């Protein structure tokens, strides 16, 4: 074998055969491990490994989402601005309370009782800087201490912060109404348009989204008898003004 630079020649009994030219020879860099990565969380840098053949779990990608929250300061700001003041020495930390709610939402929980499933998880709560997962009763009791108007302003303000840079460009507001039948006695349960459960009290969810991105700007929960267009237009116009002061309705 005779090699000159990037070209190699092989001498055989029949003559000389020239192989193709190697433009970029392989280096000695180690191969990237496709089954592992490092995430920077509130518990420090963690090494994450996964099996491509294993079933997907709700929290499989959570360390990377926590890294996003940490790098952007989103979770810290959300906790710091929470309008909840607890003075008792036995009161839970706001970080533990809101972290429990966040983990419950990401797990797809729909009831406070489902929070109990998080208390068996010793891995993910510390990644959010939490000391413990609160019980369903503690979460319900402490969230009930947040006044409605300050609470709405707090949540909507942080939601607007995450989408405001997108609203400098022309965009279209898409509105969707969803009827949610209710069972038992609940605030705002009224008889209204309910095609699946006629005669059953319900709530009406008015959802306001960026049309192309399907990005939710706001959700307004109204009694079941307030599903008409008049109510939607009024709240939608207010949503446009709140998120994009220079917007015009047509």
C-alpha atoms as a PDB file:
ATOM      1  CA  UNK A   1       0.000   0.000   0.000  1.00  0.00           C
ATOM      2  CA  UNK A   2       1.431   3.366  -1.020  1.00  0.00           C
ATOM      3  CA  UNK A   3      -0.204   6.509   0.263  1.00  0.00           C
ATOM      4  CA  UNK A   4       0.479  10.070  -0.828  1.00  0.00           C
ATOM      5  CA  UNK A   5      -1.478  12.744   1.098  1.00  0.00           C
ATOM      6  CA  UNK A   6      -5.191  12.090   0.749  1.00  0.00           C
ATOM      7  CA  UNK A   7      -4.802   9.747  -2.236  1.00  0.00           C
ATOM      8  CA  UNK A   8      -3.934   6.062  -1.931  1.00  0.00           C
ATOM      9  CA  UNK A   9      -2.769   3.601  -4.589  1.00  0.00           C
ATOM     10  CA  UNK A  10      -2.782  -0.169  -4.510  1.00  0.00           C
ATOM     11  CA  UNK A  11      -0.441  -2.180  -6.787  1.00  0.00           C
ATOM     12  CA  UNK A  12      -1.786  -5.488  -8.074  1.00  0.00           C
ATOM     13  CA  UNK A  13      -0.662  -8.033 -10.625  1.00  0.00           C
ATOM     14  CA  UNK A  14      -2.878  -6.447 -13.274  1.00  0.00           C
ATOM     15  CA  UNK A  15      -1.720  -2.903 -12.674  1.00  0.00           C
ATOM     16  CA  UNK A  16      -2.396   0.052 -10.419  1.00  0.00           C
ATOM     17  CA  UNK A  17      -5.859   0.802  -9.006  1.00  0.00           C
ATOM     18  CA  UNK A  18      -6.513   4.245  -7.559  1.00  0.00           C
ATOM     19  CA  UNK A  19      -9.159   4.552  -4.875  1.00  0.00           C
ATOM     20  CA  UNK A  20     -11.385   7.547  -4.314  1.00  0.00           C
ATOM     21  CA  UNK A  21      -9.931  10.629  -2.686  1.00  0.00           C
ATOM     22  CA  UNK A  22     -10.709  11.139   0.991  1.00  0.00           C
ATOM     23  CA  UNK A  23     -11.552  14.813   1.400  1.00  0.00           C
ATOM     24  CA  UNK A  24     -12.060  14.826   5.178  1.00  0.00           C
ATOM     25  CA  UNK A  25     -10.160  12.007   6.914  1.00  0.00           C
ATOM     26  CA  UNK A  26     -11.732  10.701  10.080  1.00  0.00           C
ATOM     27  CA  UNK A  27     -10.335  12.273  13.203  1.00  0.00           C
ATOM     28  CA  UNK A  28      -9.764  10.789  16.624  1.00  0.00           C
ATOM     29  CA  UNK A  29     -12.679  12.524  18.392  1.00  0.00           C
ATOM     30  CA  UNK A  30     -14.839  10.199  20.477  1.00  0.00           C
ATOM     31  CA  UNK A  31     -18.314   9.435  19.226  1.00  0.00           C
ATOM     32  CA  UNK A  32     -21.241  11.317  20.797  1.00  0.00           C
ATOM     33  CA  UNK A  33     -23.296   9.087  23.058  1.00  0.00           C
ATOM     34  CA  UNK A  34     -26.846   9.331  21.712  1.00  0.00           C
ATOM     35  CA  UNK A  35     -28.281   7.721  24.835  1.00  0.00           C
ATOM     36  CA  UNK A  36     -27.066  10.223  27.417  1.00  0.00           C
ATOM     37  CA  UNK A  37     -26.950  13.956  28.125  1.00  0.00           C
ATOM     38  CA  UNK A  38     -26.272  16.430  30.920  1.00  0.00           C
ATOM     39  CA  UNK A  39     -28.902  18.813  32.343  1.00  0.00           C
ATOM     40  CA  UNK A  40     -28.224  21.770  34.643  1.00  0.00           C
ATOM     41  CA  UNK A  41     -30.950  21.726  37.320  1.00  0.00           C
ATOM     42  CA  UNK A  42     -31.491  23.350  40.722  1.00  0.00           C
ATOM     43  CA  UNK A  43     -29.865  20.256  42.260  1.00  0.00           C
ATOM     44  CA  UNK A  44     -26.757  20.765  40.117  1.00  0.00           C
ATOM     45  CA  UNK A  45     -25.678  19.070  36.913  1.00  0.00           C
ATOM     46  CA  UNK A  46     -27.245  15.656  36.458  1.00  0.00           C
ATOM     47  CA  UNK A  47     -26.314  12.963  33.960  1.00  0.00           C
ATOM     48  CA  UNK A  48     -29.377  11.623  32.183  1.00  0.00           C
ATOM     49  CA  UNK A  49     -29.443   8.285  30.418  1.00  0.00           C
ATOM     50  CA  UNK A  50     -32.345   6.639  28.615  1.00  0.00           C
ATOM     51  CA  UNK A  51     -33.240   3.465  26.821  1.00  0.00           C
ATOM     52  CA  UNK A  52     -34.713   3.919  23.348  1.00  0.00           C
ATOM     53  CA  UNK A  53     -36.636   0.664  23.676  1.00  0.00           C
ATOM     54  CA  UNK A  54     -38.239   1.461  27.047  1.00  0.00           C
ATOM     55  CA  UNK A  55     -41.745   2.975  27.388  1.00  0.00           C
ATOM     56  CA  UNK A  56     -41.970   6.772  27.635  1.00  0.00           C
ATOM     57  CA  UNK A  57     -42.802   8.128  31.096  1.00  0.00           C
ATOM     58  CA  UNK A  58     -44.444  11.502  31.936  1.00  0.00           C
ATOM     59  CA  UNK A  59     -41.274  12.782  33.607  1.00  0.00           C
ATOM     60  CA  UNK A  60     -38.740  11.317  31.174  1.00  0.00           C
ATOM     61  CA  UNK A  61     -37.779  14.731  29.734  1.00  0.00           C
ATOM     62  CA  UNK A  62     -38.365  16.712  32.935  1.00  0.00           C
ATOM     63  CA  UNK A  63     -34.671  17.429  33.732  1.00  0.00           C
ATOM     64  CA  UNK A  64     -34.320  19.269  30.415  1.00  0.00           C
ATOM     65  CA  UNK A  65     -37.502  21.260  31.002  1.00  0.00           C
ATOM     66  CA  UNK A  66     -36.219  22.196  34.472  1.00  0.00           C
ATOM     67  CA  UNK A  67     -32.961  23.349  32.885  1.00  0.00           C
ATOM     68  CA  UNK A  68     -35.011  25.589  30.575  1.00  0.00           C
ATOM     69  CA  UNK A  69     -36.916  27.037  33.556  1.00  0.00           C
ATOM     70  CA  UNK A  70     -33.674  27.651  35.438  1.00  0.00           C
ATOM     71  CA  UNK A  71     -31.757  29.253  32.579  1.00  0.00           C
ATOM     72  CA  UNK A  72     -34.680  31.553  31.782  1.00  0.00           C
ATOM     73  CA  UNK A  73     -35.403  32.390  35.435  1.00  0.00           C
ATOM     74  CA  UNK A  74     -39.055  31.506  34.816  1.00  0.00           C
ATOM     75  CA  UNK A  75     -39.656  29.257  37.815  1.00  0.00           C
ATOM     76  CA  UNK A  76     -37.781  31.501  40.269  1.00  0.00           C
ATOM     77  CA  UNK A  77     -39.737  34.558  39.119  1.00  0.00           C
ATOM     78  CA  UNK A  78     -43.037  32.682  39.277  1.00  0.00           C
ATOM     79  CA  UNK A  79     -42.370  31.632  42.871  1.00  0.00           C
ATOM     80  CA  UNK A  80     -41.067  35.038  43.957  1.00  0.00           C
ATOM     81  CA  UNK A  81     -44.104  36.926  42.601  1.00  0.00           C
ATOM     82  CA  UNK A  82     -46.695  34.581  44.099  1.00  0.00           C
ATOM     83  CA  UNK A  83     -49.108  36.743  46.180  1.00  0.00           C
ATOM     84  CA  UNK A  84     -49.112  34.282  49.087  1.00  0.00           C
ATOM     85  CA  UNK A  85     -47.758  35.253  52.495  1.00  0.00           C
ATOM     86  CA  UNK A  86     -47.453  32.545  55.156  1.00  0.00           C
ATOM     87  CA  UNK A  87     -46.130  33.621  58.555  1.00  0.00           C
ATOM     88  CA  UNK A  88     -46.497  30.411  60.542  1.00  0.00           C
ATOM     89  CA  UNK A  89     -43.207  28.635  61.314  1.00  0.00           C
ATOM     90  CA  UNK A  90     -44.911  25.387  60.295  1.00  0.00           C
ATOM     91  CA  UNK A  91     -46.106  26.759  56.950  1.00  0.00           C
ATOM     92  CA  UNK A  92     -44.659  25.164  53.810  1.00  0.00           C
ATOM     93  CA  UNK A  93     -42.309  27.032  51.546  1.00  0.00           C
ATOM     94  CA  UNK A  94     -43.848  28.641  48.480  1.00  0.00           C
ATOM     95  CA  UNK A  95     -41.346  26.765  46.353  1.00  0.00           C
ATOM     96  CA  UNK A  96     -42.557  23.428  47.703  1.00  0.00           C
ATOM     97  CA  UNK A  97     -46.203  24.423  47.207  1.00  0.00           C
ATOM     98  CA  UNK A  98     -45.849  25.693  43.643  1.00  0.00           C
ATOM     99  CA  UNK A  99     -43.386  22.966  42.735  1.00  0.00           C
ATOM    100  CA  UNK A 100     -45.930  20.350  43.796  1.00  0.00           C
ATOM    101  CA  UNK A 101     -48.582  22.021  41.631  1.00  0.00           C
ATOM    102  CA  UNK A 102     -46.204  22.217  38.657  1.00  0.00           C
ATOM    103  CA  UNK A 103     -45.225  18.548  38.886  1.00  0.00           C
ATOM    104  CA  UNK A 104     -48.876  17.564  39.209  1.00  0.00           C
ATOM    105  CA  UNK A 105     -49.847  19.522  36.095  1.00  0.00           C
ATOM    106  CA  UNK A 106     -46.943  18.096  34.078  1.00  0.00           C
ATOM    107  CA  UNK A 107     -47.981  14.589  35.132  1.00  0.00           C
ATOM    108  CA  UNK A 108     -51.452  15.182  33.688  1.00  0.00           C
ATOM    109  CA  UNK A 109     -53.289  15.141  37.005  1.00  0.00           C
ATOM    110  CA  UNK A 110     -56.870  16.408  36.999  1.00  0.00           C
ATOM    111  CA  UNK A 111     -57.747  16.207  40.699  1.00  0.00           C
ATOM    112  CA  UNK A 112     -56.060  17.178  43.933  1.00  0.00           C
ATOM    113  CA  UNK A 113     -56.216  13.538  45.036  1.00  0.00           C
ATOM    114  CA  UNK A 114     -53.785  12.592  42.244  1.00  0.00           C
ATOM    115  CA  UNK A 115     -51.025  14.596  43.962  1.00  0.00           C
ATOM    116  CA  UNK A 116     -50.492  11.673  46.332  1.00  0.00           C
ATOM    117  CA  UNK A 117     -48.751   9.798  43.506  1.00  0.00           C
ATOM    118  CA  UNK A 118     -45.936  12.399  43.523  1.00  0.00           C
ATOM    119  CA  UNK A 119     -44.975  11.713  47.136  1.00  0.00           C
ATOM    120  CA  UNK A 120     -43.280   8.472  46.106  1.00  0.00           C
ATOM    121  CA  UNK A 121     -40.916  10.281  43.728  1.00  0.00           C
ATOM    122  CA  UNK A 122     -37.532  10.984  45.375  1.00  0.00           C
ATOM    123  CA  UNK A 123     -35.803  12.145  42.154  1.00  0.00           C
ATOM    124  CA  UNK A 124     -37.667  14.969  40.421  1.00  0.00           C
ATOM    125  CA  UNK A 125     -38.677  17.296  43.321  1.00  0.00           C
ATOM    126  CA  UNK A 126     -35.050  18.050  44.292  1.00  0.00           C
ATOM    127  CA  UNK A 127     -34.331  18.977  40.668  1.00  0.00           C
ATOM    128  CA  UNK A 128     -36.729  21.920  41.165  1.00  0.00           C
ATOM    129  CA  UNK A 129     -35.044  22.889  44.427  1.00  0.00           C
ATOM    130  CA  UNK A 130     -37.881  21.461  46.516  1.00  0.00           C
ATOM    131  CA  UNK A 131     -37.448  19.964  49.953  1.00  0.00           C
ATOM    132  CA  UNK A 132     -40.651  17.934  49.944  1.00  0.00           C
ATOM    133  CA  UNK A 133     -43.879  17.251  48.070  1.00  0.00           C
ATOM    134  CA  UNK A 134     -46.952  18.606  49.846  1.00  0.00           C
ATOM    135  CA  UNK A 135     -50.110  16.612  50.450  1.00  0.00           C
ATOM    136  CA  UNK A 136     -53.276  17.277  48.518  1.00  0.00           C
ATOM    137  CA  UNK A 137     -54.879  18.874  51.588  1.00  0.00           C
ATOM    138  CA  UNK A 138     -51.939  21.244  52.088  1.00  0.00           C
ATOM    139  CA  UNK A 139     -52.009  22.285  48.434  1.00  0.00           C
ATOM    140  CA  UNK A 140     -55.766  22.908  48.439  1.00  0.00           C
ATOM    141  CA  UNK A 141     -55.671  24.785  51.735  1.00  0.00           C
ATOM    142  CA  UNK A 142     -52.784  27.104  50.834  1.00  0.00           C
ATOM    143  CA  UNK A 143     -53.940  27.854  47.296  1.00  0.00           C
ATOM    144  CA  UNK A 144     -57.275  28.874  48.798  1.00  0.00           C
ATOM    145  CA  UNK A 145     -55.466  31.638  50.703  1.00  0.00           C
ATOM    146  CA  UNK A 146     -54.573  33.476  47.476  1.00  0.00           C
ATOM    147  CA  UNK A 147     -57.081  36.223  46.717  1.00  0.00           C
ATOM    148  CA  UNK A 148     -58.733  35.903  43.325  1.00  0.00           C
ATOM    149  CA  UNK A 149     -57.724  39.189  41.673  1.00  0.00           C
ATOM    150  CA  UNK A 150     -54.055  39.216  42.799  1.00  0.00           C
ATOM    151  CA  UNK A 151     -53.840  35.551  41.839  1.00  0.00           C
ATOM    152  CA  UNK A 152     -55.216  36.173  38.350  1.00  0.00           C
ATOM    153  CA  UNK A 153     -52.883  39.120  37.846  1.00  0.00           C
ATOM    154  CA  UNK A 154     -49.904  37.020  38.971  1.00  0.00           C
ATOM    155  CA  UNK A 155     -50.625  34.093  36.665  1.00  0.00           C
ATOM    156  CA  UNK A 156     -51.647  36.179  33.647  1.00  0.00           C
ATOM    157  CA  UNK A 157     -48.600  38.410  34.014  1.00  0.00           C
ATOM    158  CA  UNK A 158     -46.197  35.480  33.812  1.00  0.00           C
ATOM    159  CA  UNK A 159     -48.148  33.934  30.947  1.00  0.00           C
ATOM    160  CA  UNK A 160     -47.999  37.211  29.023  1.00  0.00           C
ATOM    161  CA  UNK A 161     -44.257  37.484  29.708  1.00  0.00           C
ATOM    162  CA  UNK A 162     -43.623  34.180  27.938  1.00  0.00           C
ATOM    163  CA  UNK A 163     -45.566  35.088  24.787  1.00  0.00           C
ATOM    164  CA  UNK A 164     -45.240  38.894  24.561  1.00  0.00           C
ATOM    165  CA  UNK A 165     -42.201  38.892  22.187  1.00  0.00           C
ATOM    166  CA  UNK A 166     -44.270  36.976  19.615  1.00  0.00           C
ATOM    167  CA  UNK A 167     -47.026  39.577  19.526  1.00  0.00           C
ATOM    168  CA  UNK A 168     -44.982  42.293  17.850  1.00  0.00           C
ATOM    169  CA  UNK A 169     -45.771  40.630  14.529  1.00  0.00           C
ATOM    170  CA  UNK A 170     -49.262  40.509  12.942  1.00  0.00           C
ATOM    171  CA  UNK A 171     -51.295  37.676  14.430  1.00  0.00           C
ATOM    172  CA  UNK A 172     -54.830  36.304  14.496  1.00  0.00           C
ATOM    173  CA  UNK A 173     -56.787  35.518  17.650  1.00  0.00           C
ATOM    174  CA  UNK A 174     -58.566  32.155  17.583  1.00  0.00           C
ATOM    175  CA  UNK A 175     -61.378  31.570  20.106  1.00  0.00           C
ATOM    176  CA  UNK A 176     -62.755  28.208  21.165  1.00  0.00           C
ATOM    177  CA  UNK A 177     -65.528  27.437  23.649  1.00  0.00           C
ATOM    178  CA  UNK A 178     -65.734  24.124  25.476  1.00  0.00           C
ATOM    179  CA  UNK A 179     -68.658  22.920  27.580  1.00  0.00           C
ATOM    180  CA  UNK A 180     -67.659  21.015  30.713  1.00  0.00           C
ATOM    181  CA  UNK A 181     -70.551  19.192  32.448  1.00  0.00           C
ATOM    182  CA  UNK A 182     -70.471  19.407  36.243  1.00  0.00           C
ATOM    183  CA  UNK A 183     -71.613  17.009  38.924  1.00  0.00           C
ATOM    184  CA  UNK A 184     -72.450  18.056  42.445  1.00  0.00           C
ATOM    185  CA  UNK A 185     -72.549  21.627  43.708  1.00  0.00           C
ATOM    186  CA  UNK A 186     -69.883  23.839  42.165  1.00  0.00           C
ATOM    187  CA  UNK A 187     -69.560  27.589  41.894  1.00  0.00           C
ATOM    188  CA  UNK A 188     -70.776  28.934  38.563  1.00  0.00           C
ATOM    189  CA  UNK A 189     -72.639  25.770  37.586  1.00  0.00           C
ATOM    190  CA  UNK A 190     -75.524  26.920  35.379  1.00  0.00           C
ATOM    191  CA  UNK A 191     -77.929  25.349  32.923  1.00  0.00           C
ATOM    192  CA  UNK A 192     -77.053  26.236  29.349  1.00  0.00           C
ATOM    193  CA  UNK A 193     -76.072  24.781  26.023  1.00  0.00           C
ATOM    194  CA  UNK A 194     -74.944  21.233  26.770  1.00  0.00           C
ATOM    195  CA  UNK A 195     -75.320  18.852  23.809  1.00  0.00           C
ATOM    196  CA  UNK A 196     -73.764  15.821  25.486  1.00  0.00           C
ATOM    197  CA  UNK A 197     -75.556  16.118  28.835  1.00  0.00           C
ATOM    198  CA  UNK A 198     -78.812  18.060  28.269  1.00  0.00           C
ATOM    199  CA  UNK A 199     -80.197  19.471  31.498  1.00  0.00           C
ATOM    200  CA  UNK A 200     -76.882  19.098  33.317  1.00  0.00           C
ATOM    201  CA  UNK A 201     -75.237  22.234  34.824  1.00  0.00           C
ATOM    202  CA  UNK A 202     -71.916  23.118  33.287  1.00  0.00           C
ATOM    203  CA  UNK A 203     -69.026  25.529  32.967  1.00  0.00           C
ATOM    204  CA  UNK A 204     -67.994  27.104  29.671  1.00  0.00           C
ATOM    205  CA  UNK A 205     -64.276  27.461  28.922  1.00  0.00           C
ATOM    206  CA  UNK A 206     -63.420  30.357  26.589  1.00  0.00           C
ATOM    207  CA  UNK A 207     -59.928  29.661  25.228  1.00  0.00           C
ATOM    208  CA  UNK A 208     -57.986  32.373  23.373  1.00  0.00           C
ATOM    209  CA  UNK A 209     -55.085  31.219  21.179  1.00  0.00           C
ATOM    210  CA  UNK A 210     -52.628  32.439  18.585  1.00  0.00           C
ATOM    211  CA  UNK A 211     -54.220  30.979  15.489  1.00  0.00           C
ATOM    212  CA  UNK A 212     -51.191  29.627  13.640  1.00  0.00           C
ATOM    213  CA  UNK A 213     -49.147  28.522  16.648  1.00  0.00           C
ATOM    214  CA  UNK A 214     -52.091  27.232  18.696  1.00  0.00           C
ATOM    215  CA  UNK A 215     -50.449  28.960  21.636  1.00  0.00           C
ATOM    216  CA  UNK A 216     -52.888  29.645  24.470  1.00  0.00           C
ATOM    217  CA  UNK A 217     -53.017  33.276  25.607  1.00  0.00           C
ATOM    218  CA  UNK A 218     -55.796  32.965  28.164  1.00  0.00           C
ATOM    219  CA  UNK A 219     -58.599  30.713  29.371  1.00  0.00           C
ATOM    220  CA  UNK A 220     -61.716  32.272  30.886  1.00  0.00           C
ATOM    221  CA  UNK A 221     -63.964  29.963  32.920  1.00  0.00           C
ATOM    222  CA  UNK A 222     -67.577  31.156  32.785  1.00  0.00           C
ATOM    223  CA  UNK A 223     -70.955  29.755  33.918  1.00  0.00           C
ATOM    224  CA  UNK A 224     -72.568  27.343  31.503  1.00  0.00           C
ATOM    225  CA  UNK A 225     -75.115  29.881  30.281  1.00  0.00           C
ATOM    226  CA  UNK A 226     -72.432  32.333  29.049  1.00  0.00           C
ATOM    227  CA  UNK A 227     -71.329  30.571  25.895  1.00  0.00           C
ATOM    228  CA  UNK A 228     -72.632  33.058  23.333  1.00  0.00           C
ATOM    229  CA  UNK A 229     -70.578  35.154  20.937  1.00  0.00           C
ATOM    230  CA  UNK A 230     -71.269  38.408  22.780  1.00  0.00           C
ATOM    231  CA  UNK A 231     -69.402  37.203  25.842  1.00  0.00           C
ATOM    232  CA  UNK A 232     -66.539  35.833  23.755  1.00  0.00           C
ATOM    233  CA  UNK A 233     -66.037  39.053  21.788  1.00  0.00           C
ATOM    234  CA  UNK A 234     -65.979  41.200  24.934  1.00  0.00           C
ATOM    235  CA  UNK A 235     -63.374  39.104  26.746  1.00  0.00           C
ATOM    236  CA  UNK A 236     -61.377  38.478  23.567  1.00  0.00           C
ATOM    237  CA  UNK A 237     -60.997  42.196  22.908  1.00  0.00           C
ATOM    238  CA  UNK A 238     -59.742  42.657  26.455  1.00  0.00           C
ATOM    239  CA  UNK A 239     -57.304  39.786  25.952  1.00  0.00           C
ATOM    240  CA  UNK A 240     -55.887  41.460  22.839  1.00  0.00           C
ATOM    241  CA  UNK A 241     -55.409  44.779  24.592  1.00  0.00           C
ATOM    242  CA  UNK A 242     -53.780  43.168  27.623  1.00  0.00           C
ATOM    243  CA  UNK A 243     -51.277  41.088  25.660  1.00  0.00           C
ATOM    244  CA  UNK A 244     -50.643  43.505  22.790  1.00  0.00           C
ATOM    245  CA  UNK A 245     -51.475  47.153  23.630  1.00  0.00           C
ATOM    246  CA  UNK A 246     -51.059  48.220  19.998  1.00  0.00           C
ATOM    247  CA  UNK A 247     -53.468  45.622  18.659  1.00  0.00           C
ATOM    248  CA  UNK A 248     -56.625  46.558  16.810  1.00  0.00           C
ATOM    249  CA  UNK A 249     -59.790  44.481  16.595  1.00  0.00           C
ATOM    250  CA  UNK A 250     -61.554  44.075  13.249  1.00  0.00           C
END
